Each structure stands twice: as structure tokens, then as C-alpha cells.
Amino acid sequence: MPKIKSKRSAVKRFRATASGGFKRGQSHRSHILTKKTTKRKRHLRKAIMIHAVDVPMIKRLLPYS
């Protein structure tokens, strides 16, 4: 059987963790940064975990992670 391809857009957005979860970067960090406070931008730097209900969908997009 051939291998299943990963969805390339998902590969760029999500990273798998050792415990089987997924993390993602936060939105609102790419442009129009002058009006956002330093505190707000600093808190947006950290990656956050994908919610448990969304993990099966991400696993379908990334079959080998």
C-alpha cells in the first residue's frame, strides 16, 4: 500500500507533542502590530495546545505524527 500524504497546510501550522497532543501558534501576530500593546504581543508569542475535541481531526490531516 502507498503511504498517505500529509496535508501540507496542516504540517506548517501544527506540531505534535510527545504525549500525543498538538500545539499551534496563536493568531493576530502577523501584522498591524503598532496598535497592539507590548503585553498583548508578548502573550501571543507562546504556542498553545489544540483542544481535545479537535485532535482527531488534526490526526487525520497528519497521519504519521
C-alpha atoms as a PDB file:
ATOM      1  CA  MET A   1       0.000   0.000   0.000  1.00  0.00           C
ATOM      2  CA  PRO A   2       1.222   3.518  -0.711  1.00  0.00           C
ATOM      3  CA  LYS A   3       1.832   5.960   2.098  1.00  0.00           C
ATOM      4  CA  ILE A   4      -0.825   8.529   2.981  1.00  0.00           C
ATOM      5  CA  LYS A   5       0.182  12.098   2.215  1.00  0.00           C
ATOM      6  CA  SER A   6       0.070  14.684   4.983  1.00  0.00           C
ATOM      7  CA  LYS A   7      -1.978  17.807   4.362  1.00  0.00           C
ATOM      8  CA  ARG A   8       0.769  20.362   3.712  1.00  0.00           C
ATOM      9  CA  SER A   9      -1.146  23.297   5.189  1.00  0.00           C
ATOM     10  CA  ALA A  10      -1.525  21.361   8.459  1.00  0.00           C
ATOM     11  CA  VAL A  11       2.186  20.472   8.554  1.00  0.00           C
ATOM     12  CA  LYS A  12       3.008  24.191   8.533  1.00  0.00           C
ATOM     13  CA  ARG A  13       0.521  25.031  11.305  1.00  0.00           C
ATOM     14  CA  PHE A  14       0.674  22.196  13.849  1.00  0.00           C
ATOM     15  CA  ARG A  15       3.409  20.339  15.742  1.00  0.00           C
ATOM     16  CA  ALA A  16       2.915  17.038  17.556  1.00  0.00           C
ATOM     17  CA  THR A  17       3.879  16.703  21.217  1.00  0.00           C
ATOM     18  CA  ALA A  18       5.374  13.620  22.891  1.00  0.00           C
ATOM     19  CA  SER A  19       2.134  12.931  24.782  1.00  0.00           C
ATOM     20  CA  GLY A  20       0.082  12.721  21.582  1.00  0.00           C
ATOM     21  CA  GLY A  21      -1.344  16.233  21.567  1.00  0.00           C
ATOM     22  CA  PHE A  22      -0.767  19.062  19.123  1.00  0.00           C
ATOM     23  CA  LYS A  23       0.334  22.634  19.595  1.00  0.00           C
ATOM     24  CA  ARG A  24      -0.185  25.645  17.364  1.00  0.00           C
ATOM     25  CA  GLY A  25       0.914  29.243  17.137  1.00  0.00           C
ATOM     26  CA  GLN A  26      -1.519  31.970  18.065  1.00  0.00           C
ATOM     27  CA  SER A  27      -3.218  34.281  15.599  1.00  0.00           C
ATOM     28  CA  HIS A  28      -3.196  38.118  15.434  1.00  0.00           C
ATOM     29  CA  ARG A  29       0.606  38.264  15.440  1.00  0.00           C
ATOM     30  CA  SER A  30       1.455  38.865  11.786  1.00  0.00           C
ATOM     31  CA  HIS A  31       0.522  42.481  11.003  1.00  0.00           C
ATOM     32  CA  ILE A  32      -0.961  45.709  12.402  1.00  0.00           C
ATOM     33  CA  LEU A  33       1.256  45.345  15.466  1.00  0.00           C
ATOM     34  CA  THR A  34       1.608  49.066  16.246  1.00  0.00           C
ATOM     35  CA  LYS A  35      -1.814  49.360  17.860  1.00  0.00           C
ATOM     36  CA  LYS A  36      -1.348  46.225  19.987  1.00  0.00           C
ATOM     37  CA  THR A  37       0.232  46.602  23.403  1.00  0.00           C
ATOM     38  CA  THR A  38       3.597  45.045  24.199  1.00  0.00           C
ATOM     39  CA  LYS A  39       1.962  42.808  26.801  1.00  0.00           C
ATOM     40  CA  ARG A  40      -0.568  41.519  24.275  1.00  0.00           C
ATOM     41  CA  LYS A  41       2.116  40.761  21.676  1.00  0.00           C
ATOM     42  CA  ARG A  42       4.296  39.057  24.284  1.00  0.00           C
ATOM     43  CA  HIS A  43       1.464  36.745  25.326  1.00  0.00           C
ATOM     44  CA  LEU A  44       0.778  35.858  21.687  1.00  0.00           C
ATOM     45  CA  ARG A  45       4.329  34.508  21.257  1.00  0.00           C
ATOM     46  CA  LYS A  46       3.720  31.319  23.177  1.00  0.00           C
ATOM     47  CA  ALA A  47       2.263  28.307  21.376  1.00  0.00           C
ATOM     48  CA  ILE A  48      -0.927  26.822  22.798  1.00  0.00           C
ATOM     49  CA  MET A  49      -2.373  23.321  22.773  1.00  0.00           C
ATOM     50  CA  ILE A  50      -5.140  22.186  20.423  1.00  0.00           C
ATOM     51  CA  HIS A  51      -8.352  21.331  22.277  1.00  0.00           C
ATOM     52  CA  ALA A  52      -9.042  17.626  22.817  1.00  0.00           C
ATOM     53  CA  VAL A  53     -12.153  17.632  20.589  1.00  0.00           C
ATOM     54  CA  ASP A  54     -10.067  18.864  17.621  1.00  0.00           C
ATOM     55  CA  VAL A  55      -7.204  16.349  17.997  1.00  0.00           C
ATOM     56  CA  PRO A  56      -8.867  13.552  15.932  1.00  0.00           C
ATOM     57  CA  MET A  57      -9.321  15.946  13.004  1.00  0.00           C
ATOM     58  CA  ILE A  58      -5.654  17.016  13.159  1.00  0.00           C
ATOM     59  CA  LYS A  59      -4.571  13.361  13.335  1.00  0.00           C
ATOM     60  CA  ARG A  60      -6.439  12.737  10.095  1.00  0.00           C
ATOM     61  CA  LEU A  61      -4.574  15.627   8.453  1.00  0.00           C
ATOM     62  CA  LEU A  62      -1.194  14.468   9.819  1.00  0.00           C
ATOM     63  CA  PRO A  63      -1.307  10.654   9.671  1.00  0.00           C
ATOM     64  CA  TYR A  64       2.307   9.969  10.677  1.00  0.00           C
ATOM     65  CA  SER A  65       2.792  12.404  13.556  1.00  0.00           C
END
